[in-house]
Amino acid sequence: MNVLKKALVLGAVGAMLAIPGYAKVVTGSQSDANLDLKYPLVYTDHAYAQQAINTDIANYVLEAKDMYYNQHIYKVAQNYKVTYEDSQVVSILLTTYHYYAGAVHGMTNTRGLVYNKITGQRVPLYNYVKIANAEQLDRGLRSYVLDYYTGSHTKSRIPQGWSVKYVTDNYCLRGKGNIDLVYQPYELGPYSNGTTYIGFTPQSIEYFNRMNS
């Protein structure tokens, strides 16, 4: 384990003594002239799970630092949002932004991280919903069984000329039984739409699971 990852993990494990009871997510940060990283540190009542979760998150922080220090990308930033949490799981959207000097615009990559807070393991999408192929998702959007959201999580419609090309395993929990699949800019719409989401309600989850059982 390299020095940064060890510092992130040991810092999280050590600080757990000061945060008893129900699990919490707090912000870790690192910065430089054109580097601004804000990432989650997850504290649980289970030390092994806590270490596993924060070690996994540390990998994404290391990737961002590698982009800045080794790939010499002009500007790199990272931020996150907790989209759902209960006593069993925590769902986080972690977004990394990078900008090459002289580029027309920067790019973002958003990763949904859903962890079991007891085991520390990632919870795969298929634990919640079964999806056979991209065509099912595309039909679901066009028949309004599924919802389309732009980067601000504003409900919209998939733009004309765009379609679902693949089934992503990138997702987050939204609470009340809702799930969003996460697609990067240019995958389900123009850059102006930002990160886009295919939204599943409890009703559409039941429908897809019934179709694909």
C-alpha atoms as a PDB file:
ATOM      1  CA  MET A   1       0.000   0.000   0.000  1.00  0.00           C
ATOM      2  CA  ASN A   2       1.572   3.339  -1.007  1.00  0.00           C
ATOM      3  CA  VAL A   3       1.952   6.303   1.330  1.00  0.00           C
ATOM      4  CA  LEU A   4      -1.149   8.237   0.209  1.00  0.00           C
ATOM      5  CA  LYS A   5      -3.452   5.256   0.356  1.00  0.00           C
ATOM      6  CA  LYS A   6      -2.058   4.263   3.745  1.00  0.00           C
ATOM      7  CA  ALA A   7      -2.582   7.791   5.051  1.00  0.00           C
ATOM      8  CA  LEU A   8      -6.163   7.889   3.830  1.00  0.00           C
ATOM      9  CA  VAL A   9      -7.022   4.506   5.277  1.00  0.00           C
ATOM     10  CA  LEU A  10      -5.196   4.890   8.585  1.00  0.00           C
ATOM     11  CA  GLY A  11      -6.632   8.353   9.043  1.00  0.00           C
ATOM     12  CA  ALA A  12     -10.134   6.997   8.590  1.00  0.00           C
ATOM     13  CA  VAL A  13      -9.550   4.069  10.929  1.00  0.00           C
ATOM     14  CA  GLY A  14      -7.989   6.245  13.602  1.00  0.00           C
ATOM     15  CA  ALA A  15     -10.697   8.887  13.496  1.00  0.00           C
ATOM     16  CA  MET A  16     -13.457   6.327  14.016  1.00  0.00           C
ATOM     17  CA  LEU A  17     -12.787   6.492  17.755  1.00  0.00           C
ATOM     18  CA  ALA A  18     -14.095  10.036  17.747  1.00  0.00           C
ATOM     19  CA  ILE A  19     -17.281   9.202  15.829  1.00  0.00           C
ATOM     20  CA  PRO A  20     -19.295   6.597  17.710  1.00  0.00           C
ATOM     21  CA  GLY A  21     -22.636   5.062  16.845  1.00  0.00           C
ATOM     22  CA  TYR A  22     -24.372   5.367  13.487  1.00  0.00           C
ATOM     23  CA  ALA A  23     -22.141   5.490  10.427  1.00  0.00           C
ATOM     24  CA  LYS A  24     -21.124   8.876   9.065  1.00  0.00           C
ATOM     25  CA  VAL A  25     -19.541  10.271   5.921  1.00  0.00           C
ATOM     26  CA  VAL A  26     -17.140  13.191   6.305  1.00  0.00           C
ATOM     27  CA  THR A  27     -15.007  15.074   3.794  1.00  0.00           C
ATOM     28  CA  GLY A  28     -11.311  14.522   3.220  1.00  0.00           C
ATOM     29  CA  SER A  29      -9.446  17.018   1.058  1.00  0.00           C
ATOM     30  CA  GLN A  30      -6.162  17.656  -0.722  1.00  0.00           C
ATOM     31  CA  SER A  31      -5.182  20.652  -2.810  1.00  0.00           C
ATOM     32  CA  ASP A  32      -2.444  22.227  -4.883  1.00  0.00           C
ATOM     33  CA  ALA A  33      -2.297  25.149  -7.307  1.00  0.00           C
ATOM     34  CA  ASN A  34      -4.726  23.583  -9.810  1.00  0.00           C
ATOM     35  CA  LEU A  35      -5.755  20.557  -7.770  1.00  0.00           C
ATOM     36  CA  ASP A  36      -8.844  20.535  -5.557  1.00  0.00           C
ATOM     37  CA  LEU A  37      -9.893  17.134  -4.257  1.00  0.00           C
ATOM     38  CA  LYS A  38     -12.783  16.596  -1.874  1.00  0.00           C
ATOM     39  CA  TYR A  39     -13.620  12.964  -1.243  1.00  0.00           C
ATOM     40  CA  PRO A  40     -15.675  10.949   1.248  1.00  0.00           C
ATOM     41  CA  LEU A  41     -14.354   9.182   4.314  1.00  0.00           C
ATOM     42  CA  VAL A  42     -16.872   6.624   5.508  1.00  0.00           C
ATOM     43  CA  TYR A  43     -17.036   5.636   9.168  1.00  0.00           C
ATOM     44  CA  THR A  44     -18.955   2.559  10.260  1.00  0.00           C
ATOM     45  CA  ASP A  45     -19.264   0.433  13.394  1.00  0.00           C
ATOM     46  CA  HIS A  46     -17.370  -2.333  11.574  1.00  0.00           C
ATOM     47  CA  ALA A  47     -13.621  -1.663  11.382  1.00  0.00           C
ATOM     48  CA  TYR A  48     -12.927  -4.142   8.565  1.00  0.00           C
ATOM     49  CA  ALA A  49     -15.758  -2.733   6.438  1.00  0.00           C
ATOM     50  CA  GLN A  50     -14.621   0.809   7.104  1.00  0.00           C
ATOM     51  CA  GLN A  51     -11.087   0.031   5.965  1.00  0.00           C
ATOM     52  CA  ALA A  52     -12.303  -1.777   2.837  1.00  0.00           C
ATOM     53  CA  ILE A  53     -14.584   1.100   1.835  1.00  0.00           C
ATOM     54  CA  ASN A  54     -12.000   3.817   2.369  1.00  0.00           C
ATOM     55  CA  THR A  55      -9.290   1.804   0.624  1.00  0.00           C
ATOM     56  CA  ASP A  56     -11.539   1.519  -2.427  1.00  0.00           C
ATOM     57  CA  ILE A  57     -12.298   5.245  -2.402  1.00  0.00           C
ATOM     58  CA  ALA A  58      -8.574   5.981  -1.999  1.00  0.00           C
ATOM     59  CA  ASN A  59      -7.963   4.346  -5.381  1.00  0.00           C
ATOM     60  CA  TYR A  60     -10.066   7.059  -7.061  1.00  0.00           C
ATOM     61  CA  VAL A  61      -8.210   9.779  -5.175  1.00  0.00           C
ATOM     62  CA  LEU A  62      -4.914   8.274  -6.325  1.00  0.00           C
ATOM     63  CA  GLU A  63      -6.153   8.234  -9.925  1.00  0.00           C
ATOM     64  CA  ALA A  64      -6.980  11.941  -9.709  1.00  0.00           C
ATOM     65  CA  LYS A  65      -3.554  12.741  -8.243  1.00  0.00           C
ATOM     66  CA  ASP A  66      -1.884  10.685 -10.975  1.00  0.00           C
ATOM     67  CA  MET A  67      -3.718  12.724 -13.615  1.00  0.00           C
ATOM     68  CA  TYR A  68      -2.374  15.919 -12.054  1.00  0.00           C
ATOM     69  CA  TYR A  69       1.177  15.020 -11.074  1.00  0.00           C
ATOM     70  CA  ASN A  70       2.153  12.341 -13.606  1.00  0.00           C
ATOM     71  CA  GLN A  71      -0.059  12.948 -16.647  1.00  0.00           C
ATOM     72  CA  HIS A  72       0.385  16.733 -16.214  1.00  0.00           C
ATOM     73  CA  ILE A  73      -3.253  17.576 -16.831  1.00  0.00           C
ATOM     74  CA  TYR A  74      -3.715  21.297 -16.238  1.00  0.00           C
ATOM     75  CA  LYS A  75      -6.570  21.200 -13.722  1.00  0.00           C
ATOM     76  CA  VAL A  76      -8.081  18.344 -11.706  1.00  0.00           C
ATOM     77  CA  ALA A  77     -10.899  18.474  -9.172  1.00  0.00           C
ATOM     78  CA  GLN A  78     -12.990  15.957  -7.294  1.00  0.00           C
ATOM     79  CA  ASN A  79     -16.192  16.170  -5.285  1.00  0.00           C
ATOM     80  CA  TYR A  80     -18.890  13.848  -4.035  1.00  0.00           C
ATOM     81  CA  LYS A  81     -22.497  13.567  -2.934  1.00  0.00           C
ATOM     82  CA  VAL A  82     -24.103  11.027  -0.633  1.00  0.00           C
ATOM     83  CA  THR A  83     -27.297  10.060  -2.453  1.00  0.00           C
ATOM     84  CA  TYR A  84     -28.625   7.583   0.117  1.00  0.00           C
ATOM     85  CA  GLU A  85     -27.678   5.984   3.401  1.00  0.00           C
ATOM     86  CA  ASP A  86     -29.297   3.588   5.842  1.00  0.00           C
ATOM     87  CA  SER A  87     -28.041   1.132   8.450  1.00  0.00           C
ATOM     88  CA  GLN A  88     -26.963  -1.365   5.768  1.00  0.00           C
ATOM     89  CA  VAL A  89     -25.682   0.592   2.766  1.00  0.00           C
ATOM     90  CA  VAL A  90     -24.267   3.937   1.721  1.00  0.00           C
ATOM     91  CA  SER A  91     -24.518   5.297  -1.837  1.00  0.00           C
ATOM     92  CA  ILE A  92     -22.090   7.936  -3.073  1.00  0.00           C
ATOM     93  CA  LEU A  93     -21.573   9.752  -6.369  1.00  0.00           C
ATOM     94  CA  LEU A  94     -17.884  10.617  -6.791  1.00  0.00           C
ATOM     95  CA  THR A  95     -17.133  13.021  -9.644  1.00  0.00           C
ATOM     96  CA  THR A  96     -13.665  13.726 -11.030  1.00  0.00           C
ATOM     97  CA  TYR A  97     -13.178  16.738 -13.306  1.00  0.00           C
ATOM     98  CA  HIS A  98     -10.143  17.326 -15.501  1.00  0.00           C
ATOM     99  CA  TYR A  99      -9.194  20.043 -17.955  1.00  0.00           C
ATOM    100  CA  TYR A 100      -6.403  19.879 -20.518  1.00  0.00           C
ATOM    101  CA  ALA A 101      -4.743  23.234 -21.225  1.00  0.00           C
ATOM    102  CA  GLY A 102      -6.222  24.687 -24.403  1.00  0.00           C
ATOM    103  CA  ALA A 103      -9.197  22.324 -24.544  1.00  0.00           C
ATOM    104  CA  VAL A 104     -12.629  23.664 -25.451  1.00  0.00           C
ATOM    105  CA  HIS A 105     -13.987  22.425 -22.128  1.00  0.00           C
ATOM    106  CA  GLY A 106     -13.170  20.110 -19.262  1.00  0.00           C
ATOM    107  CA  MET A 107     -14.593  16.639 -18.763  1.00  0.00           C
ATOM    108  CA  THR A 108     -16.149  14.894 -15.812  1.00  0.00           C
ATOM    109  CA  ASN A 109     -16.362  11.249 -14.862  1.00  0.00           C
ATOM    110  CA  THR A 110     -18.929  10.280 -12.248  1.00  0.00           C
ATOM    111  CA  ARG A 111     -18.791   6.962 -10.442  1.00  0.00           C
ATOM    112  CA  GLY A 112     -21.603   5.558  -8.333  1.00  0.00           C
ATOM    113  CA  LEU A 113     -20.241   3.757  -5.280  1.00  0.00           C
ATOM    114  CA  VAL A 114     -22.716   1.644  -3.316  1.00  0.00           C
ATOM    115  CA  TYR A 115     -21.199  -0.095  -0.302  1.00  0.00           C
ATOM    116  CA  ASN A 116     -22.451  -2.609   2.220  1.00  0.00           C
ATOM    117  CA  LYS A 117     -21.478  -0.961   5.503  1.00  0.00           C
ATOM    118  CA  ILE A 118     -21.261  -4.284   7.343  1.00  0.00           C
ATOM    119  CA  THR A 119     -19.000  -6.162   4.896  1.00  0.00           C
ATOM    120  CA  GLY A 120     -17.344  -3.213   3.125  1.00  0.00           C
ATOM    121  CA  GLN A 121     -18.059  -4.758  -0.267  1.00  0.00           C
ATOM    122  CA  ARG A 122     -19.525  -3.023  -3.300  1.00  0.00           C
ATOM    123  CA  VAL A 123     -23.157  -3.920  -3.902  1.00  0.00           C
ATOM    124  CA  PRO A 124     -23.621  -4.825  -7.595  1.00  0.00           C
ATOM    125  CA  LEU A 125     -26.516  -3.421  -9.602  1.00  0.00           C
ATOM    126  CA  TYR A 126     -27.990  -6.864 -10.247  1.00  0.00           C
ATOM    127  CA  ASN A 127     -28.749  -7.175  -6.545  1.00  0.00           C
ATOM    128  CA  TYR A 128     -31.480  -4.613  -7.188  1.00  0.00           C
ATOM    129  CA  VAL A 129     -32.526  -4.854 -10.831  1.00  0.00           C
ATOM    130  CA  LYS A 130     -31.985  -7.281 -13.709  1.00  0.00           C
ATOM    131  CA  ILE A 131     -31.419  -5.742 -17.154  1.00  0.00           C
ATOM    132  CA  ALA A 132     -31.092  -7.961 -20.211  1.00  0.00           C
ATOM    133  CA  ASN A 133     -29.702  -5.526 -22.779  1.00  0.00           C
ATOM    134  CA  ALA A 134     -29.418  -1.911 -23.905  1.00  0.00           C
ATOM    135  CA  GLU A 135     -32.534  -2.219 -26.055  1.00  0.00           C
ATOM    136  CA  GLN A 136     -34.633  -2.771 -22.935  1.00  0.00           C
ATOM    137  CA  LEU A 137     -33.321   0.460 -21.457  1.00  0.00           C
ATOM    138  CA  ASP A 138     -33.882   2.380 -24.678  1.00  0.00           C
ATOM    139  CA  ARG A 139     -37.456   1.119 -24.987  1.00  0.00           C
ATOM    140  CA  GLY A 140     -38.045   1.900 -21.330  1.00  0.00           C
ATOM    141  CA  LEU A 141     -37.019   5.525 -21.846  1.00  0.00           C
ATOM    142  CA  ARG A 142     -39.132   5.973 -24.965  1.00  0.00           C
ATOM    143  CA  SER A 143     -42.201   4.386 -23.378  1.00  0.00           C
ATOM    144  CA  TYR A 144     -41.736   6.450 -20.189  1.00  0.00           C
ATOM    145  CA  VAL A 145     -41.357   3.358 -18.029  1.00  0.00           C
ATOM    146  CA  LEU A 146     -37.930   4.796 -17.184  1.00  0.00           C
ATOM    147  CA  ASP A 147     -36.996   8.419 -16.559  1.00  0.00           C
ATOM    148  CA  TYR A 148     -34.222  10.452 -18.191  1.00  0.00           C
ATOM    149  CA  TYR A 149     -32.370  13.033 -16.092  1.00  0.00           C
ATOM    150  CA  THR A 150     -29.748  15.600 -17.043  1.00  0.00           C
ATOM    151  CA  GLY A 151     -26.728  16.531 -14.931  1.00  0.00           C
ATOM    152  CA  SER A 152     -28.711  18.718 -12.542  1.00  0.00           C
ATOM    153  CA  HIS A 153     -31.034  15.725 -12.031  1.00  0.00           C
ATOM    154  CA  THR A 154     -33.761  17.528 -13.936  1.00  0.00           C
ATOM    155  CA  LYS A 155     -36.260  15.203 -15.581  1.00  0.00           C
ATOM    156  CA  SER A 156     -36.196  15.508 -19.349  1.00  0.00           C
ATOM    157  CA  ARG A 157     -36.375  13.312 -22.452  1.00  0.00           C
ATOM    158  CA  ILE A 158     -33.556  11.544 -24.197  1.00  0.00           C
ATOM    159  CA  PRO A 159     -32.538  13.907 -27.032  1.00  0.00           C
ATOM    160  CA  GLN A 160     -33.447  13.104 -30.605  1.00  0.00           C
ATOM    161  CA  GLY A 161     -30.697  11.139 -32.324  1.00  0.00           C
ATOM    162  CA  TRP A 162     -29.374   9.599 -29.100  1.00  0.00           C
ATOM    163  CA  SER A 163     -29.960   6.078 -27.840  1.00  0.00           C
ATOM    164  CA  VAL A 164     -28.742   3.720 -25.126  1.00  0.00           C
ATOM    165  CA  LYS A 165     -25.713   1.831 -26.464  1.00  0.00           C
ATOM    166  CA  TYR A 166     -24.810  -0.327 -23.480  1.00  0.00           C
ATOM    167  CA  VAL A 167     -25.982  -1.436 -20.049  1.00  0.00           C
ATOM    168  CA  THR A 168     -23.849   0.274 -17.441  1.00  0.00           C
ATOM    169  CA  ASP A 169     -23.083  -1.196 -14.027  1.00  0.00           C
ATOM    170  CA  ASN A 170     -22.523   2.349 -12.754  1.00  0.00           C
ATOM    171  CA  TYR A 171     -25.418   3.330 -10.502  1.00  0.00           C
ATOM    172  CA  CYS A 172     -26.536   5.025  -7.304  1.00  0.00           C
ATOM    173  CA  LEU A 173     -29.421   4.707  -4.882  1.00  0.00           C
ATOM    174  CA  ARG A 174     -31.766   7.678  -4.577  1.00  0.00           C
ATOM    175  CA  GLY A 175     -33.950   6.590  -1.679  1.00  0.00           C
ATOM    176  CA  LYS A 176     -37.582   5.431  -1.520  1.00  0.00           C
ATOM    177  CA  GLY A 177     -36.628   2.460  -3.687  1.00  0.00           C
ATOM    178  CA  ASN A 178     -35.391   4.567  -6.616  1.00  0.00           C
ATOM    179  CA  ILE A 179     -32.190   3.778  -8.530  1.00  0.00           C
ATOM    180  CA  ASP A 180     -30.309   5.802 -11.149  1.00  0.00           C
ATOM    181  CA  LEU A 181     -27.988   4.359 -13.780  1.00  0.00           C
ATOM    182  CA  VAL A 182     -25.120   6.783 -14.391  1.00  0.00           C
ATOM    183  CA  TYR A 183     -23.860   7.715 -17.878  1.00  0.00           C
ATOM    184  CA  GLN A 184     -20.984  10.073 -18.660  1.00  0.00           C
ATOM    185  CA  PRO A 185     -21.220  13.225 -20.830  1.00  0.00           C
ATOM    186  CA  TYR A 186     -21.742  12.431 -24.520  1.00  0.00           C
ATOM    187  CA  GLU A 187     -23.065   8.922 -23.777  1.00  0.00           C
ATOM    188  CA  LEU A 188     -26.786   9.779 -23.610  1.00  0.00           C
ATOM    189  CA  GLY A 189     -26.828  13.340 -24.828  1.00  0.00           C
ATOM    190  CA  PRO A 190     -24.715  16.383 -25.755  1.00  0.00           C
ATOM    191  CA  TYR A 191     -22.088  17.837 -23.443  1.00  0.00           C
ATOM    192  CA  SER A 192     -24.549  20.487 -22.259  1.00  0.00           C
ATOM    193  CA  ASN A 193     -26.648  17.735 -20.653  1.00  0.00           C
ATOM    194  CA  GLY A 194     -23.713  16.774 -18.452  1.00  0.00           C
ATOM    195  CA  THR A 195     -23.766  13.474 -16.618  1.00  0.00           C
ATOM    196  CA  THR A 196     -27.064  11.794 -17.444  1.00  0.00           C
ATOM    197  CA  TYR A 197     -29.129   9.274 -15.539  1.00  0.00           C
ATOM    198  CA  ILE A 198     -31.678   6.591 -16.323  1.00  0.00           C
ATOM    199  CA  GLY A 199     -34.084   6.516 -13.404  1.00  0.00           C
ATOM    200  CA  PHE A 200     -35.778   3.394 -12.080  1.00  0.00           C
ATOM    201  CA  THR A 201     -38.763   3.632  -9.735  1.00  0.00           C
ATOM    202  CA  PRO A 202     -39.872   0.694  -7.551  1.00  0.00           C
ATOM    203  CA  GLN A 203     -42.537  -0.021 -10.175  1.00  0.00           C
ATOM    204  CA  SER A 204     -40.093  -0.137 -13.088  1.00  0.00           C
ATOM    205  CA  ILE A 205     -37.667  -2.236 -11.036  1.00  0.00           C
ATOM    206  CA  GLU A 206     -40.412  -4.799 -10.442  1.00  0.00           C
ATOM    207  CA  TYR A 207     -41.262  -4.751 -14.159  1.00  0.00           C
ATOM    208  CA  PHE A 208     -37.666  -5.321 -15.279  1.00  0.00           C
ATOM    209  CA  ASN A 209     -37.096  -8.061 -12.726  1.00  0.00           C
ATOM    210  CA  ARG A 210     -40.286  -9.791 -13.841  1.00  0.00           C
ATOM    211  CA  MET A 211     -39.235  -9.554 -17.507  1.00  0.00           C
ATOM    212  CA  ASN A 212     -35.751 -10.873 -16.840  1.00  0.00           C
ATOM    213  CA  SER A 213     -36.361 -13.502 -14.181  1.00  0.00           C
END
